[in-house]
């Protein structure tokens, strides 16, 4: 009996189509609609220290960050915004809490977007019309950013019984105020530290409105824990087509947030894959030190940004097959390694020459990609 397996996909497969949302402009980029899912992070410097903040923004930009947020807790920080917004190469979002006047300062300063937290800005709601007018005049978008830790106290009783519902209700209440004055250029976030509650909230929100959604697990924790929690929550939502921009919140340098965010999107084929190492977990069949080999190759190729897949395999079971599917790979055993390039064995080298051989070949392939200007990105 023959089975029709269908036509192989001509482009990377995704698990679900993106949920249709409004498209808003954020400086030189867009969020929602058909725009790519943007990766965001937030500076950890004092915003009032303009040079330090711009240096960190430059590092984030180099890491692939699409949008950067800066904290504005004081007048000194607000005063620094015009210089930061003008010199940053990626859109700057001002993060405002407690003081409505800083919202206007950020808009006047040329920030691409302003994040407002409806739970902790006093006397905010009666200024919605003025904020909407100023934002419209300057082409500034807004993010309604609801956090479990700073929820409007009026919703606390609801939160105790239904935390996800309270987050969504807070966001929709604020959205309605902007809608009443004819302003629709905003995104929404409903963040929580618990991935289950967070996923529940975003699922409900996505059914209740068509505004672009900013995904985040707030206070996710140190790098390892935060990466797991963020990948779990984002994966669940993005696999359903929910989410238009993401921020991974880690107790770690912000560049690490960007790296994790990019890898999450690459893993779901929601962003073209860049450099990637495929390595086996090792087992009793391994005849080389796979951990050391994989770490040494990773370290040696850490500057590679070209879309190359490198396979580092420790035995002859899956090794040759995985190595052949990669741009570059090694299948190791008996103190030596077979080096594959685009599926063909080009050399067999002693174990102590594997790393240097892979590095040399990776640099050669990367140079060829740079020269051609049109790399083919391998996607499984």
Protein backbone atom coordinates (compact mmCIF):
# COMPACT_ATOMS: atom_id res chain seq x y z
CA UNK A 1 0.00 0.00 0.00
CA UNK A 2 1.40 3.39 -0.98
CA UNK A 3 0.90 6.46 1.17
CA UNK A 4 0.80 9.95 -0.27
CA UNK A 5 3.14 11.98 1.93
CA UNK A 6 2.36 15.21 0.14
CA UNK A 7 4.67 17.77 -1.36
CA UNK A 8 7.71 18.74 0.72
CA UNK A 9 7.39 22.30 2.09
CA UNK A 10 9.16 24.98 0.08
CA UNK A 11 9.68 27.19 3.12
CA UNK A 12 10.27 26.52 6.83
CA UNK A 13 7.27 24.92 8.48
CA UNK A 14 5.63 26.68 11.41
CA UNK A 15 3.27 25.09 13.89
CA UNK A 16 0.45 27.59 13.39
CA UNK A 17 -0.24 30.72 11.36
CA UNK A 18 0.15 34.01 13.20
CA UNK A 19 -2.98 35.35 14.85
CA UNK A 20 -4.21 38.35 12.83
CA UNK A 21 -3.53 41.55 14.77
CA UNK A 22 -3.36 45.27 14.21
CA UNK A 23 -0.02 46.57 13.01
CA UNK A 24 1.56 49.46 14.89
CA UNK A 25 4.64 51.50 14.11
CA UNK A 26 7.47 51.60 16.63
CA UNK A 27 10.04 54.02 15.28
CA UNK A 28 11.69 52.34 12.31
CA UNK A 29 10.03 48.97 12.86
CA UNK A 30 6.57 47.50 13.24
CA UNK A 31 4.78 45.18 15.66
CA UNK A 32 1.83 43.01 14.73
CA UNK A 33 0.16 42.29 11.42
CA UNK A 34 2.61 40.74 8.98
CA UNK A 35 5.68 42.20 10.71
CA UNK A 36 8.30 39.72 11.97
CA UNK A 37 8.15 38.94 15.68
CA UNK A 38 10.45 41.50 17.30
CA UNK A 39 12.91 40.71 20.10
CA UNK A 40 13.15 43.25 22.89
CA UNK A 41 15.31 43.80 25.94
CA UNK A 42 15.80 46.48 28.57
CA UNK A 43 18.90 48.36 29.63
CA UNK A 44 20.22 47.93 33.16
CA UNK A 45 22.18 51.19 33.28
CA UNK A 46 21.01 54.41 34.86
CA UNK A 47 19.20 56.07 31.99
CA UNK A 48 20.55 59.41 33.16
CA UNK A 49 24.03 58.09 32.30
CA UNK A 50 23.67 58.70 28.59
CA UNK A 51 27.00 57.26 27.50
CA UNK A 52 26.64 54.05 29.50
CA UNK A 53 23.08 53.57 28.28
CA UNK A 54 24.00 54.13 24.64
CA UNK A 55 26.91 51.71 25.00
CA UNK A 56 24.59 49.01 26.30
CA UNK A 57 22.08 49.75 23.55
CA UNK A 58 24.90 49.33 21.01
CA UNK A 59 25.76 45.94 22.52
CA UNK A 60 22.12 44.88 22.38
CA UNK A 61 21.83 46.07 18.78
CA UNK A 62 24.91 44.03 17.82
CA UNK A 63 23.34 40.96 19.47
CA UNK A 64 20.24 41.27 17.28
CA UNK A 65 17.87 43.22 19.55
CA UNK A 66 15.07 44.92 17.59
CA UNK A 67 13.62 47.26 20.24
CA UNK A 68 15.14 48.48 23.52
CA UNK A 69 13.41 49.77 26.65
CA UNK A 70 14.88 52.20 29.16
CA UNK A 71 13.65 52.97 32.67
CA UNK A 72 12.50 56.49 33.48
CA UNK A 73 12.04 56.71 37.27
CA UNK A 74 13.37 60.28 37.69
CA UNK A 75 13.53 63.68 36.03
CA UNK A 76 17.23 63.14 35.29
CA UNK A 77 16.29 60.04 33.33
CA UNK A 78 13.58 61.92 31.45
CA UNK A 79 16.09 64.65 30.61
CA UNK A 80 18.40 62.06 29.04
CA UNK A 81 15.77 60.65 26.69
CA UNK A 82 16.20 63.10 23.75
CA UNK A 83 19.89 62.22 23.35
CA UNK A 84 19.29 58.49 23.77
CA UNK A 85 16.36 58.37 21.36
CA UNK A 86 18.28 60.38 18.75
CA UNK A 87 21.47 58.31 18.89
CA UNK A 88 20.10 54.78 19.31
CA UNK A 89 20.10 52.73 16.12
CA UNK A 90 17.04 50.78 17.25
CA UNK A 91 13.69 52.12 18.53
CA UNK A 92 13.69 53.24 22.16
CA UNK A 93 10.77 52.57 24.50
CA UNK A 94 10.42 54.64 27.67
CA UNK A 95 9.26 52.63 30.69
CA UNK A 96 7.03 54.85 32.84
CA UNK A 97 5.68 54.18 36.31
CA UNK A 98 4.02 56.41 38.91
CA UNK A 99 4.51 59.79 37.15
CA UNK A 100 2.27 60.72 34.18
CA UNK A 101 4.44 63.74 33.37
CA UNK A 102 7.23 61.44 32.25
CA UNK A 103 4.88 59.99 29.63
CA UNK A 104 4.66 63.40 28.00
CA UNK A 105 8.40 63.94 28.41
CA UNK A 106 9.14 60.65 26.63
CA UNK A 107 6.80 61.48 23.77
CA UNK A 108 8.36 64.94 23.37
CA UNK A 109 11.84 63.38 23.53
CA UNK A 110 11.19 61.31 20.42
CA UNK A 111 10.87 57.88 22.00
CA UNK A 112 9.32 55.40 19.59
CA UNK A 113 6.97 53.95 22.18
CA UNK A 114 6.00 54.52 25.79
CA UNK A 115 5.15 51.71 28.19
CA UNK A 116 2.53 52.64 30.78
CA UNK A 117 1.44 50.49 33.71
CA UNK A 118 -2.24 51.07 34.51
CA UNK A 119 -1.78 49.61 37.98
CA UNK A 120 0.62 52.16 39.40
CA UNK A 121 0.31 55.49 37.59
CA UNK A 122 -1.73 57.73 39.83
CA UNK A 123 -4.23 60.09 38.24
CA UNK A 124 -3.45 58.48 34.90
CA UNK A 125 -6.86 57.69 33.48
CA UNK A 126 -8.01 61.31 33.33
CA UNK A 127 -4.97 62.14 31.17
CA UNK A 128 -5.66 59.53 28.52
CA UNK A 129 -7.05 62.04 26.03
CA UNK A 130 -4.01 64.30 26.39
CA UNK A 131 -1.59 61.38 26.11
CA UNK A 132 -3.39 60.06 23.03
CA UNK A 133 -3.28 63.49 21.41
CA UNK A 134 0.44 63.94 22.12
CA UNK A 135 1.24 60.40 20.95
CA UNK A 136 -0.70 60.91 17.73
CA UNK A 137 1.04 64.23 17.03
CA UNK A 138 4.49 62.66 17.48
CA UNK A 139 3.80 59.27 15.90
CA UNK A 140 4.44 57.51 19.21
CA UNK A 141 2.87 54.17 20.05
CA UNK A 142 1.92 52.93 23.52
CA UNK A 143 2.26 49.64 25.37
CA UNK A 144 -0.31 48.92 28.04
CA UNK A 145 1.89 46.84 30.32
CA UNK A 146 0.02 44.94 33.03
CA UNK A 147 2.10 43.11 35.65
CA UNK A 148 0.82 40.84 38.39
CA UNK A 149 3.06 42.56 40.92
CA UNK A 150 1.64 46.02 40.23
CA UNK A 151 -1.99 45.30 39.48
CA UNK A 152 -4.67 47.92 40.06
CA UNK A 153 -5.79 47.42 43.65
CA UNK A 154 -9.43 47.53 42.59
CA UNK A 155 -8.84 44.21 40.81
CA UNK A 156 -7.14 42.49 43.73
CA UNK A 157 -10.25 40.54 44.85
CA UNK A 158 -10.68 39.25 41.30
CA UNK A 159 -6.98 38.37 41.15
CA UNK A 160 -7.23 36.18 44.23
CA UNK A 161 -9.88 34.03 42.52
CA UNK A 162 -8.76 34.32 38.89
CA UNK A 163 -5.29 35.83 38.39
CA UNK A 164 -5.23 35.46 34.62
CA UNK A 165 -8.68 36.98 34.33
CA UNK A 166 -7.71 39.97 36.47
CA UNK A 167 -4.65 40.67 34.29
CA UNK A 168 -6.77 40.57 31.15
CA UNK A 169 -9.49 42.73 32.69
CA UNK A 170 -6.97 45.38 33.71
CA UNK A 171 -5.56 45.50 30.18
CA UNK A 172 -8.96 45.68 28.52
CA UNK A 173 -10.12 48.40 30.91
CA UNK A 174 -7.16 50.55 29.93
CA UNK A 175 -7.54 49.73 26.24
CA UNK A 176 -11.16 50.88 26.39
CA UNK A 177 -10.08 54.29 27.70
CA UNK A 178 -7.75 54.77 24.73
CA UNK A 179 -10.41 53.51 22.34
CA UNK A 180 -12.89 56.07 23.70
CA UNK A 181 -10.63 58.89 22.51
CA UNK A 182 -9.94 57.27 19.15
CA UNK A 183 -6.40 56.03 19.84
CA UNK A 184 -5.54 52.50 18.71
CA UNK A 185 -1.75 52.51 18.24
CA UNK A 186 -0.94 50.34 21.21
CA UNK A 187 0.25 46.89 22.13
CA UNK A 188 -0.68 44.99 25.28
CA UNK A 189 1.17 42.76 27.71
CA UNK A 190 -0.20 40.76 30.65
CA UNK A 191 2.89 39.38 32.34
CA UNK A 192 3.13 36.95 35.24
CA UNK A 193 5.99 35.03 36.84
CA UNK A 194 4.06 31.74 36.57
CA UNK A 195 4.17 30.45 32.97
CA UNK A 196 0.83 28.65 33.34
CA UNK A 197 -1.01 31.78 34.48
CA UNK A 198 0.82 33.84 31.87
CA UNK A 199 -0.17 31.50 29.02
CA UNK A 200 -3.77 31.43 30.24
CA UNK A 201 -3.90 35.23 30.33
CA UNK A 202 -2.50 35.70 26.82
CA UNK A 203 -4.81 33.05 25.38
CA UNK A 204 -7.81 34.86 26.81
CA UNK A 205 -6.53 38.24 25.74
CA UNK A 206 -5.96 37.04 22.18
CA UNK A 207 -9.61 35.99 22.01
CA UNK A 208 -10.84 39.30 23.42
CA UNK A 209 -9.01 41.76 21.15
CA UNK A 210 -6.89 42.10 18.03
CA UNK A 211 -4.16 44.34 19.43
CA UNK A 212 -0.55 43.17 19.02
CA UNK A 213 0.67 41.26 22.06
CA UNK A 214 4.00 41.69 23.82
CA UNK A 215 4.90 38.34 25.45
CA UNK A 216 6.84 38.12 28.68
CA UNK A 217 7.25 36.01 31.80
CA UNK A 218 8.05 38.69 34.33
CA UNK A 219 10.65 38.08 37.05
CA UNK A 220 11.50 34.80 35.35
CA UNK A 221 14.62 34.37 37.46
CA UNK A 222 18.34 33.62 36.91
CA UNK A 223 19.56 32.64 33.46
CA UNK A 224 18.88 28.89 33.61
CA UNK A 225 15.49 29.03 35.32
CA UNK A 226 14.38 32.12 33.40
CA UNK A 227 15.31 30.59 30.07
CA UNK A 228 13.30 27.45 30.82
CA UNK A 229 10.24 29.37 32.01
CA UNK A 230 10.34 31.78 29.08
CA UNK A 231 10.90 29.07 26.47
CA UNK A 232 8.04 27.03 27.95
CA UNK A 233 5.56 29.90 27.97
CA UNK A 234 6.61 31.48 24.68
CA UNK A 235 6.72 28.10 22.97
CA UNK A 236 3.16 27.30 24.02
CA UNK A 237 1.82 30.64 22.78
CA UNK A 238 3.91 31.06 19.65
CA UNK A 239 3.03 27.51 18.62
CA UNK A 240 -0.60 28.71 18.59
CA UNK A 241 0.24 31.83 16.59
CA UNK A 242 -0.07 34.13 19.61
CA UNK A 243 2.57 36.83 20.11
CA UNK A 244 3.96 39.73 18.10
CA UNK A 245 7.01 40.74 20.13
CA UNK A 246 8.87 39.06 22.99
CA UNK A 247 11.06 40.05 25.90
CA UNK A 248 12.89 37.36 27.88
CA UNK A 249 13.32 38.63 31.46
CA UNK A 250 16.47 37.21 33.05
CA UNK A 251 18.54 38.07 36.10
CA UNK A 252 21.47 38.21 33.70
CA UNK A 253 23.10 40.71 31.32
CA UNK A 254 20.47 41.94 28.82
CA UNK A 255 22.45 40.63 25.84
CA UNK A 256 21.70 37.13 27.18
CA UNK A 257 17.98 37.95 27.03
CA UNK A 258 18.33 38.79 23.35
CA UNK A 259 20.25 35.60 22.59
CA UNK A 260 17.62 33.46 24.29
CA UNK A 261 14.77 35.30 22.58
CA UNK A 262 16.32 34.90 19.16
CA UNK A 263 16.96 31.19 19.70
CA UNK A 264 13.37 30.62 20.80
CA UNK A 265 12.12 32.20 17.58
CA UNK A 266 14.67 30.33 15.46
CA UNK A 267 13.67 27.03 17.08
CA UNK A 268 10.06 27.59 15.98
CA UNK A 269 11.07 28.73 12.47
CA UNK A 270 9.73 32.20 13.28
CA UNK A 271 13.07 33.81 12.48
CA UNK A 272 15.68 32.65 9.94
CA UNK A 273 18.14 30.35 11.69
CA UNK A 274 21.64 31.66 12.15
CA UNK A 275 24.67 29.81 13.51
CA UNK A 276 23.68 26.59 15.27
CA UNK A 277 25.52 23.69 16.85
CA UNK A 278 23.88 20.25 16.88
CA UNK A 279 25.62 17.98 19.39
CA UNK A 280 24.73 14.63 20.90
CA UNK A 281 24.17 14.25 24.66
CA UNK A 282 26.78 11.48 24.85
CA UNK A 283 26.19 7.96 26.10
CA UNK A 284 28.02 4.70 26.67
CA UNK A 285 28.67 4.39 22.94
CA UNK A 286 30.71 7.58 22.79
CA UNK A 287 34.39 7.05 22.08
CA UNK A 288 35.42 10.68 22.56
CA UNK A 289 34.77 13.28 25.24
CA UNK A 290 31.65 14.75 23.63
CA UNK A 291 31.15 17.42 26.31
CA UNK A 292 34.65 18.82 25.88
CA UNK A 293 34.50 18.53 22.12
CA UNK A 294 31.16 20.36 21.88
CA UNK A 295 32.28 23.08 24.31
CA UNK A 296 35.59 23.58 22.51
CA UNK A 297 33.86 23.85 19.13
CA UNK A 298 31.27 26.26 20.56
CA UNK A 299 33.99 28.44 22.04
CA UNK A 300 36.07 28.35 18.88
CA UNK A 301 33.12 29.36 16.70
CA UNK A 302 31.47 31.90 19.03
CA UNK A 303 32.19 34.78 16.65
CA UNK A 304 30.48 33.06 13.70
CA UNK A 305 27.17 34.71 12.80
CA UNK A 306 26.61 33.17 9.35
CA UNK A 307 23.68 30.71 9.04
CA UNK A 308 25.78 27.57 9.45
CA UNK A 309 24.73 24.36 11.16
CA UNK A 310 27.61 22.43 12.74
CA UNK A 311 27.06 18.86 13.98
CA UNK A 312 29.33 17.49 16.73
CA UNK A 313 28.63 13.78 17.18
CA UNK A 314 30.32 11.25 19.39
CA UNK A 315 29.66 7.84 17.82
CA UNK A 316 28.85 6.01 14.60
CA UNK A 317 25.12 5.43 15.30
CA UNK A 318 23.61 8.86 14.58
CA UNK A 319 26.87 10.66 13.94
CA UNK A 320 27.30 10.20 10.18
CA UNK A 321 23.62 10.91 9.45
CA UNK A 322 23.51 14.10 11.54
CA UNK A 323 26.85 15.25 10.19
CA UNK A 324 25.66 14.78 6.61
CA UNK A 325 22.54 16.90 7.22
CA UNK A 326 24.58 19.79 8.60
CA UNK A 327 26.68 22.28 6.64
CA UNK A 328 29.67 21.04 8.58
CA UNK A 329 30.06 18.18 11.00
CA UNK A 330 32.16 15.54 12.65
CA UNK A 331 31.34 11.90 13.43
CA UNK A 332 33.83 10.79 16.05
CA UNK A 333 35.10 7.38 17.13
CA UNK A 334 38.22 5.35 17.81
CA UNK A 335 40.31 8.42 18.49
CA UNK A 336 39.56 10.14 15.20
CA UNK A 337 36.82 12.08 13.47
CA UNK A 338 35.32 12.07 10.00
CA UNK A 339 34.82 15.66 8.85
CA UNK A 340 31.75 16.26 6.67
CA UNK A 341 31.09 19.39 4.56
CA UNK A 342 27.65 19.58 2.95
CA UNK A 343 27.22 15.83 3.40
CA UNK A 344 30.54 14.73 1.94
CA UNK A 345 33.49 13.35 3.91
CA UNK A 346 36.44 15.64 3.21
CA UNK A 347 38.91 14.29 5.76
CA UNK A 348 39.52 11.93 8.64
CA UNK A 349 41.63 13.56 11.36
CA UNK A 350 43.02 12.55 14.77
CA UNK A 351 40.89 13.50 17.75
CA UNK A 352 43.24 16.29 18.79
CA UNK A 353 42.82 17.95 15.36
CA UNK A 354 39.02 17.87 15.18
CA UNK A 355 38.40 21.28 16.74
CA UNK A 356 40.95 23.19 14.68
CA UNK A 357 39.73 21.48 11.49
CA UNK A 358 36.09 22.38 12.20
CA UNK A 359 37.04 25.98 12.99
CA UNK A 360 39.00 26.32 9.76
CA UNK A 361 36.18 24.83 7.67
CA UNK A 362 33.49 26.92 9.42
CA UNK A 363 35.41 30.12 8.71
CA UNK A 364 35.85 29.09 5.10
CA UNK A 365 32.11 28.36 4.68
CA UNK A 366 31.18 31.61 6.43
CA UNK A 367 33.46 33.55 4.08
CA UNK A 368 31.80 31.89 1.08
CA UNK A 369 28.37 32.83 2.41
CA UNK A 370 29.45 36.42 2.96
CA UNK A 371 30.82 36.64 -0.57
CA UNK A 372 27.72 35.12 -2.17
CA UNK A 373 25.38 37.37 -0.21
CA UNK A 374 22.52 34.88 -0.51
CA UNK A 375 22.98 32.00 1.92
CA UNK A 376 20.66 29.04 2.00
CA UNK A 377 19.48 28.60 5.56
CA UNK A 378 19.07 24.99 6.56
CA UNK A 379 15.87 24.32 8.44
CA UNK A 380 14.84 20.93 9.74
